[in-house]
């Protein structure tokens, strides 16, 4: 690669990085997209899905409590819910 081409590549990467930061993109991965909410699988420590805001959870899933809903992968509620099992009413049955 010639020096001129390398300089352009570095400038392009810098511009892209600046654009990403300027748009407010977060380094954290969101659990669900816009217009969706996360639900927990019943009967296991793992398993979650995303449901459209205007829909009920599918069979085998329950809503998280409003004040304990994970928002980003690895946040405190995402970590917490991966350590417990809930029943079909959302009650914690096993830690």
PDB file of N, CA and C in Angstrom:
ATOM      1  N   UNK A   1       0.852  -1.179   0.000  1.00  0.00           N
ATOM      2  CA  UNK A   1       0.000   0.000   0.000  1.00  0.00           C
ATOM      3  C   UNK A   1       0.890   1.231   0.000  1.00  0.00           C
ATOM      4  N   UNK A   2       0.587   2.185  -0.839  1.00  0.00           N
ATOM      5  CA  UNK A   2       1.379   3.404  -0.900  1.00  0.00           C
ATOM      6  C   UNK A   2       1.038   4.296   0.286  1.00  0.00           C
ATOM      7  N   UNK A   3       1.979   5.176   0.609  1.00  0.00           N
ATOM      8  CA  UNK A   3       1.820   6.063   1.751  1.00  0.00           C
ATOM      9  C   UNK A   3       0.563   6.920   1.618  1.00  0.00           C
ATOM     10  N   UNK A   4       0.278   7.433   0.428  1.00  0.00           N
ATOM     11  CA  UNK A   4      -0.895   8.273   0.197  1.00  0.00           C
ATOM     12  C   UNK A   4      -2.188   7.496   0.448  1.00  0.00           C
ATOM     13  N   UNK A   5      -2.244   6.249  -0.017  1.00  0.00           N
ATOM     14  CA  UNK A   5      -3.420   5.403   0.186  1.00  0.00           C
ATOM     15  C   UNK A   5      -3.601   5.070   1.669  1.00  0.00           C
ATOM     16  N   UNK A   6      -2.512   4.816   2.340  1.00  0.00           N
ATOM     17  CA  UNK A   6      -2.557   4.506   3.771  1.00  0.00           C
ATOM     18  C   UNK A   6      -3.072   5.709   4.555  1.00  0.00           C
ATOM     19  N   UNK A   7      -2.635   6.889   4.200  1.00  0.00           N
ATOM     20  CA  UNK A   7      -3.096   8.110   4.877  1.00  0.00           C
ATOM     21  C   UNK A   7      -4.596   8.305   4.688  1.00  0.00           C
ATOM     22  N   UNK A   8      -5.073   8.039   3.474  1.00  0.00           N
ATOM     23  CA  UNK A   8      -6.519   8.156   3.219  1.00  0.00           C
ATOM     24  C   UNK A   8      -7.304   7.144   4.045  1.00  0.00           C
ATOM     25  N   UNK A   9      -6.784   5.937   4.162  1.00  0.00           N
ATOM     26  CA  UNK A   9      -7.471   4.898   4.945  1.00  0.00           C
ATOM     27  C   UNK A   9      -7.548   5.297   6.416  1.00  0.00           C
ATOM     28  N   UNK A  10      -6.463   5.847   6.937  1.00  0.00           N
ATOM     29  CA  UNK A  10      -6.442   6.294   8.336  1.00  0.00           C
ATOM     30  C   UNK A  10      -7.435   7.442   8.536  1.00  0.00           C
ATOM     31  N   UNK A  11      -7.468   8.380   7.607  1.00  0.00           N
ATOM     32  CA  UNK A  11      -8.411   9.496   7.702  1.00  0.00           C
ATOM     33  C   UNK A  11      -9.862   9.020   7.612  1.00  0.00           C
ATOM     34  N   UNK A  12     -10.117   8.061   6.736  1.00  0.00           N
ATOM     35  CA  UNK A  12     -11.473   7.525   6.605  1.00  0.00           C
ATOM     36  C   UNK A  12     -11.902   6.834   7.891  1.00  0.00           C
ATOM     37  N   UNK A  13     -11.010   6.061   8.498  1.00  0.00           N
ATOM     38  CA  UNK A  13     -11.322   5.389   9.756  1.00  0.00           C
ATOM     39  C   UNK A  13     -11.571   6.400  10.865  1.00  0.00           C
ATOM     40  N   UNK A  14     -10.774   7.446  10.917  1.00  0.00           N
ATOM     41  CA  UNK A  14     -10.966   8.492  11.922  1.00  0.00           C
ATOM     42  C   UNK A  14     -12.310   9.193  11.725  1.00  0.00           C
ATOM     43  N   UNK A  15     -12.676   9.461  10.485  1.00  0.00           N
ATOM     44  CA  UNK A  15     -13.953  10.113  10.200  1.00  0.00           C
ATOM     45  C   UNK A  15     -15.120   9.215  10.599  1.00  0.00           C
ATOM     46  N   UNK A  16     -15.012   7.935  10.314  1.00  0.00           N
ATOM     47  CA  UNK A  16     -16.059   6.991  10.686  1.00  0.00           C
ATOM     48  C   UNK A  16     -16.204   6.913  12.204  1.00  0.00           C
ATOM     49  N   UNK A  17     -15.103   6.837  12.913  1.00  0.00           N
ATOM     50  CA  UNK A  17     -15.135   6.798  14.377  1.00  0.00           C
ATOM     51  C   UNK A  17     -15.788   8.047  14.949  1.00  0.00           C
ATOM     52  N   UNK A  18     -15.446   9.191  14.396  1.00  0.00           N
ATOM     53  CA  UNK A  18     -16.043  10.449  14.851  1.00  0.00           C
ATOM     54  C   UNK A  18     -17.545  10.467  14.587  1.00  0.00           C
ATOM     55  N   UNK A  19     -17.961   9.983  13.437  1.00  0.00           N
ATOM     56  CA  UNK A  19     -19.390   9.950  13.102  1.00  0.00           C
ATOM     57  C   UNK A  19     -20.157   9.054  14.062  1.00  0.00           C
ATOM     58  N   UNK A  20     -19.596   7.907  14.388  1.00  0.00           N
ATOM     59  CA  UNK A  20     -20.258   6.984  15.313  1.00  0.00           C
ATOM     60  C   UNK A  20     -20.395   7.634  16.680  1.00  0.00           C
ATOM     61  N   UNK A  21     -19.347   8.255  17.160  1.00  0.00           N
ATOM     62  CA  UNK A  21     -19.399   8.903  18.473  1.00  0.00           C
ATOM     63  C   UNK A  21     -20.357  10.091  18.473  1.00  0.00           C
ATOM     64  N   UNK A  22     -20.406  10.822  17.399  1.00  0.00           N
ATOM     65  CA  UNK A  22     -21.259  12.005  17.322  1.00  0.00           C
ATOM     66  C   UNK A  22     -22.743  11.657  17.274  1.00  0.00           C
ATOM     67  N   UNK A  23     -23.073  10.482  16.770  1.00  0.00           N
ATOM     68  CA  UNK A  23     -24.491  10.106  16.683  1.00  0.00           C
ATOM     69  C   UNK A  23     -25.015   9.522  17.975  1.00  0.00           C
ATOM     70  N   UNK A  24     -24.174   9.392  18.975  1.00  0.00           N
ATOM     71  CA  UNK A  24     -24.631   8.905  20.266  1.00  0.00           C
ATOM     72  C   UNK A  24     -24.724   7.395  20.349  1.00  0.00           C
ATOM     73  N   UNK A  25     -24.094   6.680  19.456  1.00  0.00           N
ATOM     74  CA  UNK A  25     -24.100   5.224  19.534  1.00  0.00           C
ATOM     75  C   UNK A  25     -23.356   4.805  20.796  1.00  0.00           C
ATOM     76  N   UNK A  26     -23.890   3.820  21.455  1.00  0.00           N
ATOM     77  CA  UNK A  26     -23.294   3.338  22.687  1.00  0.00           C
ATOM     78  C   UNK A  26     -22.464   2.101  22.413  1.00  0.00           C
ATOM     79  N   UNK A  27     -21.434   1.912  23.236  1.00  0.00           N
ATOM     80  CA  UNK A  27     -20.626   0.714  23.123  1.00  0.00           C
ATOM     81  C   UNK A  27     -21.386  -0.482  23.694  1.00  0.00           C
ATOM     82  N   UNK A  28     -22.435  -0.216  24.455  1.00  0.00           N
ATOM     83  CA  UNK A  28     -23.233  -1.280  25.041  1.00  0.00           C
ATOM     84  C   UNK A  28     -24.245  -1.793  24.016  1.00  0.00           C
ATOM     85  N   UNK A  29     -24.435  -3.103  23.995  1.00  0.00           N
ATOM     86  CA  UNK A  29     -25.423  -3.705  23.115  1.00  0.00           C
ATOM     87  C   UNK A  29     -26.777  -3.702  23.811  1.00  0.00           C
ATOM     88  N   UNK A  30     -27.767  -3.129  23.175  1.00  0.00           N
ATOM     89  CA  UNK A  30     -29.111  -3.096  23.733  1.00  0.00           C
ATOM     90  C   UNK A  30     -29.691  -4.505  23.733  1.00  0.00           C
ATOM     91  N   UNK A  31     -30.457  -4.824  24.763  1.00  0.00           N
ATOM     92  CA  UNK A  31     -31.124  -6.125  24.836  1.00  0.00           C
ATOM     93  C   UNK A  31     -32.130  -6.228  23.692  1.00  0.00           C
ATOM     94  N   UNK A  32     -32.929  -5.199  23.490  1.00  0.00           N
ATOM     95  CA  UNK A  32     -33.946  -5.194  22.431  1.00  0.00           C
ATOM     96  C   UNK A  32     -33.852  -3.905  21.628  1.00  0.00           C
ATOM     97  N   UNK A  33     -34.469  -3.931  20.480  1.00  0.00           N
ATOM     98  CA  UNK A  33     -34.506  -2.760  19.638  1.00  0.00           C
ATOM     99  C   UNK A  33     -35.621  -1.816  20.028  1.00  0.00           C
ATOM    100  N   UNK A  34     -35.688  -0.709  19.333  1.00  0.00           N
ATOM    101  CA  UNK A  34     -36.732   0.280  19.556  1.00  0.00           C
ATOM    102  C   UNK A  34     -38.093  -0.348  19.285  1.00  0.00           C
ATOM    103  N   UNK A  35     -39.056  -0.075  20.153  1.00  0.00           N
ATOM    104  CA  UNK A  35     -40.396  -0.614  19.979  1.00  0.00           C
ATOM    105  C   UNK A  35     -40.560  -2.025  20.499  1.00  0.00           C
ATOM    106  N   UNK A  36     -39.574  -2.514  21.242  1.00  0.00           N
ATOM    107  CA  UNK A  36     -39.623  -3.857  21.810  1.00  0.00           C
ATOM    108  C   UNK A  36     -39.264  -3.822  23.283  1.00  0.00           C
ATOM    109  N   UNK A  37     -39.670  -4.875  23.990  1.00  0.00           N
ATOM    110  CA  UNK A  37     -39.261  -5.038  25.383  1.00  0.00           C
ATOM    111  C   UNK A  37     -38.787  -6.476  25.582  1.00  0.00           C
ATOM    112  N   UNK A  38     -37.867  -6.694  26.558  1.00  0.00           N
ATOM    113  CA  UNK A  38     -37.346  -8.039  26.782  1.00  0.00           C
ATOM    114  C   UNK A  38     -38.272  -8.868  27.680  1.00  0.00           C
ATOM    115  N   UNK A  39     -38.277 -10.168  27.466  1.00  0.00           N
ATOM    116  CA  UNK A  39     -39.022 -11.106  28.304  1.00  0.00           C
ATOM    117  C   UNK A  39     -38.092 -12.253  28.679  1.00  0.00           C
ATOM    118  N   UNK A  40     -38.362 -12.860  29.838  1.00  0.00           N
ATOM    119  CA  UNK A  40     -37.543 -13.950  30.357  1.00  0.00           C
ATOM    120  C   UNK A  40     -38.229 -15.277  30.119  1.00  0.00           C
ATOM    121  N   UNK A  41     -37.431 -16.282  29.782  1.00  0.00           N
ATOM    122  CA  UNK A  41     -37.952 -17.636  29.603  1.00  0.00           C
ATOM    123  C   UNK A  41     -38.299 -18.235  30.965  1.00  0.00           C
ATOM    124  N   UNK A  42     -39.405 -18.926  31.021  1.00  0.00           N
ATOM    125  CA  UNK A  42     -39.853 -19.602  32.240  1.00  0.00           C
ATOM    126  C   UNK A  42     -39.084 -20.919  32.386  1.00  0.00           C
ATOM    127  N   UNK A  43     -38.690 -21.230  33.631  1.00  0.00           N
ATOM    128  CA  UNK A  43     -38.129 -22.541  33.925  1.00  0.00           C
ATOM    129  C   UNK A  43     -36.645 -22.719  33.713  1.00  0.00           C
ATOM    130  N   UNK A  44     -35.927 -21.672  33.404  1.00  0.00           N
ATOM    131  CA  UNK A  44     -34.482 -21.788  33.225  1.00  0.00           C
ATOM    132  C   UNK A  44     -33.777 -20.491  33.549  1.00  0.00           C
ATOM    133  N   UNK A  45     -32.482 -20.593  33.774  1.00  0.00           N
ATOM    134  CA  UNK A  45     -31.701 -19.391  34.069  1.00  0.00           C
ATOM    135  C   UNK A  45     -31.383 -18.609  32.802  1.00  0.00           C
ATOM    136  N   UNK A  46     -31.304 -19.291  31.697  1.00  0.00           N
ATOM    137  CA  UNK A  46     -31.009 -18.603  30.447  1.00  0.00           C
ATOM    138  C   UNK A  46     -32.265 -18.538  29.594  1.00  0.00           C
ATOM    139  N   UNK A  47     -32.227 -17.707  28.621  1.00  0.00           N
ATOM    140  CA  UNK A  47     -33.333 -17.585  27.687  1.00  0.00           C
ATOM    141  C   UNK A  47     -34.098 -16.306  27.863  1.00  0.00           C
ATOM    142  N   UNK A  48     -34.043 -15.496  26.857  1.00  0.00           N
ATOM    143  CA  UNK A  48     -34.857 -14.286  26.817  1.00  0.00           C
ATOM    144  C   UNK A  48     -35.145 -13.979  25.367  1.00  0.00           C
ATOM    145  N   UNK A  49     -36.140 -13.162  25.166  1.00  0.00           N
ATOM    146  CA  UNK A  49     -36.547 -12.786  23.815  1.00  0.00           C
ATOM    147  C   UNK A  49     -37.005 -11.338  23.842  1.00  0.00           C
ATOM    148  N   UNK A  50     -37.266 -10.795  22.685  1.00  0.00           N
ATOM    149  CA  UNK A  50     -37.803  -9.447  22.560  1.00  0.00           C
ATOM    150  C   UNK A  50     -39.184  -9.530  21.928  1.00  0.00           C
ATOM    151  N   UNK A  51     -40.095  -8.721  22.459  1.00  0.00           N
ATOM    152  CA  UNK A  51     -41.486  -8.728  22.020  1.00  0.00           C
ATOM    153  C   UNK A  51     -41.876  -7.298  21.649  1.00  0.00           C
ATOM    154  N   UNK A  52     -42.673  -7.149  20.621  1.00  0.00           N
ATOM    155  CA  UNK A  52     -43.157  -5.820  20.233  1.00  0.00           C
ATOM    156  C   UNK A  52     -43.932  -5.197  21.395  1.00  0.00           C
ATOM    157  N   UNK A  53     -43.761  -3.890  21.569  1.00  0.00           N
ATOM    158  CA  UNK A  53     -44.399  -3.184  22.688  1.00  0.00           C
ATOM    159  C   UNK A  53     -45.905  -3.415  22.773  1.00  0.00           C
ATOM    160  N   UNK A  54     -46.564  -3.626  21.661  1.00  0.00           N
ATOM    161  CA  UNK A  54     -48.020  -3.780  21.671  1.00  0.00           C
ATOM    162  C   UNK A  54     -48.469  -5.243  21.751  1.00  0.00           C
ATOM    163  N   UNK A  55     -47.551  -6.157  22.041  1.00  0.00           N
ATOM    164  CA  UNK A  55     -47.883  -7.572  22.143  1.00  0.00           C
ATOM    165  C   UNK A  55     -47.590  -8.112  23.532  1.00  0.00           C
ATOM    166  N   UNK A  56     -48.291  -9.193  23.913  1.00  0.00           N
ATOM    167  CA  UNK A  56     -48.029  -9.898  25.161  1.00  0.00           C
ATOM    168  C   UNK A  56     -46.886 -10.877  24.946  1.00  0.00           C
ATOM    169  N   UNK A  57     -46.226 -11.278  26.041  1.00  0.00           N
ATOM    170  CA  UNK A  57     -45.156 -12.272  25.886  1.00  0.00           C
ATOM    171  C   UNK A  57     -45.705 -13.581  25.317  1.00  0.00           C
ATOM    172  N   UNK A  58     -44.928 -14.272  24.498  1.00  0.00           N
ATOM    173  CA  UNK A  58     -45.375 -15.570  23.986  1.00  0.00           C
ATOM    174  C   UNK A  58     -45.393 -16.604  25.108  1.00  0.00           C
ATOM    175  N   UNK A  59     -46.049 -17.718  24.864  1.00  0.00           N
ATOM    176  CA  UNK A  59     -46.117 -18.792  25.854  1.00  0.00           C
ATOM    177  C   UNK A  59     -44.701 -19.222  26.229  1.00  0.00           C
ATOM    178  N   UNK A  60     -44.487 -19.393  27.526  1.00  0.00           N
ATOM    179  CA  UNK A  60     -43.177 -19.800  28.009  1.00  0.00           C
ATOM    180  C   UNK A  60     -42.270 -18.649  28.392  1.00  0.00           C
ATOM    181  N   UNK A  61     -42.783 -17.412  28.299  1.00  0.00           N
ATOM    182  CA  UNK A  61     -42.014 -16.221  28.654  1.00  0.00           C
ATOM    183  C   UNK A  61     -42.850 -15.318  29.545  1.00  0.00           C
ATOM    184  N   UNK A  62     -42.186 -14.530  30.382  1.00  0.00           N
ATOM    185  CA  UNK A  62     -42.857 -13.551  31.243  1.00  0.00           C
ATOM    186  C   UNK A  62     -42.129 -12.214  31.152  1.00  0.00           C
ATOM    187  N   UNK A  63     -42.875 -11.154  31.462  1.00  0.00           N
ATOM    188  CA  UNK A  63     -42.267  -9.817  31.518  1.00  0.00           C
ATOM    189  C   UNK A  63     -41.369  -9.710  32.746  1.00  0.00           C
ATOM    190  N   UNK A  64     -40.343  -8.903  32.616  1.00  0.00           N
ATOM    191  CA  UNK A  64     -39.533  -8.545  33.778  1.00  0.00           C
ATOM    192  C   UNK A  64     -40.298  -7.487  34.563  1.00  0.00           C
ATOM    193  N   UNK A  65     -40.062  -7.403  35.879  1.00  0.00           N
ATOM    194  CA  UNK A  65     -40.655  -6.287  36.629  1.00  0.00           C
ATOM    195  C   UNK A  65     -40.132  -4.963  36.054  1.00  0.00           C
ATOM    196  N   UNK A  66     -41.002  -3.945  35.994  1.00  0.00           N
ATOM    197  CA  UNK A  66     -40.621  -2.658  35.377  1.00  0.00           C
ATOM    198  C   UNK A  66     -39.344  -2.058  35.957  1.00  0.00           C
ATOM    199  N   UNK A  67     -39.163  -2.178  37.257  1.00  0.00           N
ATOM    200  CA  UNK A  67     -37.993  -1.563  37.888  1.00  0.00           C
ATOM    201  C   UNK A  67     -36.765  -2.474  37.880  1.00  0.00           C
ATOM    202  N   UNK A  68     -36.865  -3.648  37.254  1.00  0.00           N
ATOM    203  CA  UNK A  68     -35.737  -4.587  37.193  1.00  0.00           C
ATOM    204  C   UNK A  68     -35.581  -5.191  35.791  1.00  0.00           C
ATOM    205  N   UNK A  69     -35.843  -4.390  34.787  1.00  0.00           N
ATOM    206  CA  UNK A  69     -35.758  -4.845  33.403  1.00  0.00           C
ATOM    207  C   UNK A  69     -34.367  -4.582  32.841  1.00  0.00           C
ATOM    208  N   UNK A  70     -33.710  -5.608  32.286  1.00  0.00           N
ATOM    209  CA  UNK A  70     -32.399  -5.357  31.679  1.00  0.00           C
ATOM    210  C   UNK A  70     -32.532  -4.483  30.436  1.00  0.00           C
ATOM    211  N   UNK A  71     -31.583  -3.598  30.259  1.00  0.00           N
ATOM    212  CA  UNK A  71     -31.591  -2.705  29.095  1.00  0.00           C
ATOM    213  C   UNK A  71     -30.444  -3.020  28.143  1.00  0.00           C
ATOM    214  N   UNK A  72     -29.288  -3.385  28.693  1.00  0.00           N
ATOM    215  CA  UNK A  72     -28.102  -3.655  27.886  1.00  0.00           C
ATOM    216  C   UNK A  72     -27.477  -4.988  28.283  1.00  0.00           C
ATOM    217  N   UNK A  73     -26.877  -5.642  27.322  1.00  0.00           N
ATOM    218  CA  UNK A  73     -26.186  -6.896  27.584  1.00  0.00           C
ATOM    219  C   UNK A  73     -25.121  -6.660  28.648  1.00  0.00           C
ATOM    220  N   UNK A  74     -25.176  -7.457  29.713  1.00  0.00           N
ATOM    221  CA  UNK A  74     -24.186  -7.354  30.781  1.00  0.00           C
ATOM    222  C   UNK A  74     -24.494  -6.329  31.844  1.00  0.00           C
ATOM    223  N   UNK A  75     -25.630  -5.603  31.756  1.00  0.00           N
ATOM    224  CA  UNK A  75     -25.939  -4.656  32.827  1.00  0.00           C
ATOM    225  C   UNK A  75     -26.356  -5.427  34.078  1.00  0.00           C
ATOM    226  N   UNK A  76     -26.571  -4.717  35.191  1.00  0.00           N
ATOM    227  CA  UNK A  76     -26.807  -5.424  36.455  1.00  0.00           C
ATOM    228  C   UNK A  76     -28.046  -6.311  36.402  1.00  0.00           C
ATOM    229  N   UNK A  77     -29.106  -5.904  35.722  1.00  0.00           N
ATOM    230  CA  UNK A  77     -30.319  -6.732  35.666  1.00  0.00           C
ATOM    231  C   UNK A  77     -30.153  -7.888  34.692  1.00  0.00           C
ATOM    232  N   UNK A  78     -29.416  -7.718  33.636  1.00  0.00           N
ATOM    233  CA  UNK A  78     -29.135  -8.826  32.731  1.00  0.00           C
ATOM    234  C   UNK A  78     -28.351  -9.901  33.479  1.00  0.00           C
ATOM    235  N   UNK A  79     -27.365  -9.478  34.236  1.00  0.00           N
ATOM    236  CA  UNK A  79     -26.572 -10.419  35.037  1.00  0.00           C
ATOM    237  C   UNK A  79     -27.437 -11.090  36.104  1.00  0.00           C
ATOM    238  N   UNK A  80     -28.248 -10.311  36.805  1.00  0.00           N
ATOM    239  CA  UNK A  80     -29.099 -10.854  37.867  1.00  0.00           C
ATOM    240  C   UNK A  80     -30.045 -11.930  37.336  1.00  0.00           C
ATOM    241  N   UNK A  81     -30.776 -11.617  36.262  1.00  0.00           N
ATOM    242  CA  UNK A  81     -31.782 -12.554  35.754  1.00  0.00           C
ATOM    243  C   UNK A  81     -31.163 -13.820  35.185  1.00  0.00           C
ATOM    244  N   UNK A  82     -29.882 -13.804  34.872  1.00  0.00           N
ATOM    245  CA  UNK A  82     -29.235 -15.023  34.388  1.00  0.00           C
ATOM    246  C   UNK A  82     -28.876 -15.964  35.539  1.00  0.00           C
ATOM    247  N   UNK A  83     -29.185 -15.562  36.781  1.00  0.00           N
ATOM    248  CA  UNK A  83     -28.874 -16.401  37.944  1.00  0.00           C
ATOM    249  C   UNK A  83     -30.124 -16.971  38.606  1.00  0.00           C
ATOM    250  N   UNK A  84     -31.308 -16.628  38.098  1.00  0.00           N
ATOM    251  CA  UNK A  84     -32.540 -17.098  38.736  1.00  0.00           C
ATOM    252  C   UNK A  84     -33.470 -17.775  37.735  1.00  0.00           C
ATOM    253  N   UNK A  85     -34.386 -18.587  38.275  1.00  0.00           N
ATOM    254  CA  UNK A  85     -35.407 -19.262  37.486  1.00  0.00           C
ATOM    255  C   UNK A  85     -36.753 -18.700  37.925  1.00  0.00           C
ATOM    256  N   UNK A  86     -37.633 -18.421  36.958  1.00  0.00           N
ATOM    257  CA  UNK A  86     -38.961 -17.913  37.285  1.00  0.00           C
ATOM    258  C   UNK A  86     -40.033 -18.899  36.819  1.00  0.00           C
ATOM    259  N   UNK A  87     -41.199 -18.807  37.490  1.00  0.00           N
ATOM    260  CA  UNK A  87     -42.337 -19.620  37.065  1.00  0.00           C
ATOM    261  C   UNK A  87     -43.192 -18.834  36.078  1.00  0.00           C
ATOM    262  N   UNK A  88     -44.306 -19.409  35.677  1.00  0.00           N
ATOM    263  CA  UNK A  88     -45.152 -18.776  34.658  1.00  0.00           C
ATOM    264  C   UNK A  88     -45.844 -17.501  35.128  1.00  0.00           C
ATOM    265  N   UNK A  89     -45.760 -17.209  36.425  1.00  0.00           N
ATOM    266  CA  UNK A  89     -46.281 -15.950  36.959  1.00  0.00           C
ATOM    267  C   UNK A  89     -45.179 -14.919  37.183  1.00  0.00           C
ATOM    268  N   UNK A  90     -43.945 -15.287  36.860  1.00  0.00           N
ATOM    269  CA  UNK A  90     -42.819 -14.376  37.032  1.00  0.00           C
ATOM    270  C   UNK A  90     -42.207 -14.409  38.413  1.00  0.00           C
ATOM    271  N   UNK A  91     -42.660 -15.349  39.258  1.00  0.00           N
ATOM    272  CA  UNK A  91     -42.115 -15.479  40.609  1.00  0.00           C
ATOM    273  C   UNK A  91     -40.778 -16.231  40.558  1.00  0.00           C
ATOM    274  N   UNK A  92     -39.829 -15.762  41.323  1.00  0.00           N
ATOM    275  CA  UNK A  92     -38.523 -16.434  41.397  1.00  0.00           C
ATOM    276  C   UNK A  92     -38.718 -17.734  42.168  1.00  0.00           C
ATOM    277  N   UNK A  93     -38.331 -18.839  41.556  1.00  0.00           N
ATOM    278  CA  UNK A  93     -38.494 -20.144  42.195  1.00  0.00           C
ATOM    279  C   UNK A  93     -37.164 -20.807  42.525  1.00  0.00           C
ATOM    280  N   UNK A  94     -36.076 -20.287  41.964  1.00  0.00           N
ATOM    281  CA  UNK A  94     -34.764 -20.880  42.234  1.00  0.00           C
ATOM    282  C   UNK A  94     -33.683 -19.861  41.966  1.00  0.00           C
ATOM    283  N   UNK A  95     -32.739 -19.804  42.910  1.00  0.00           N
ATOM    284  CA  UNK A  95     -31.576 -18.935  42.729  1.00  0.00           C
ATOM    285  C   UNK A  95     -30.340 -19.774  42.559  1.00  0.00           C
TER     286      UNK A  95
END
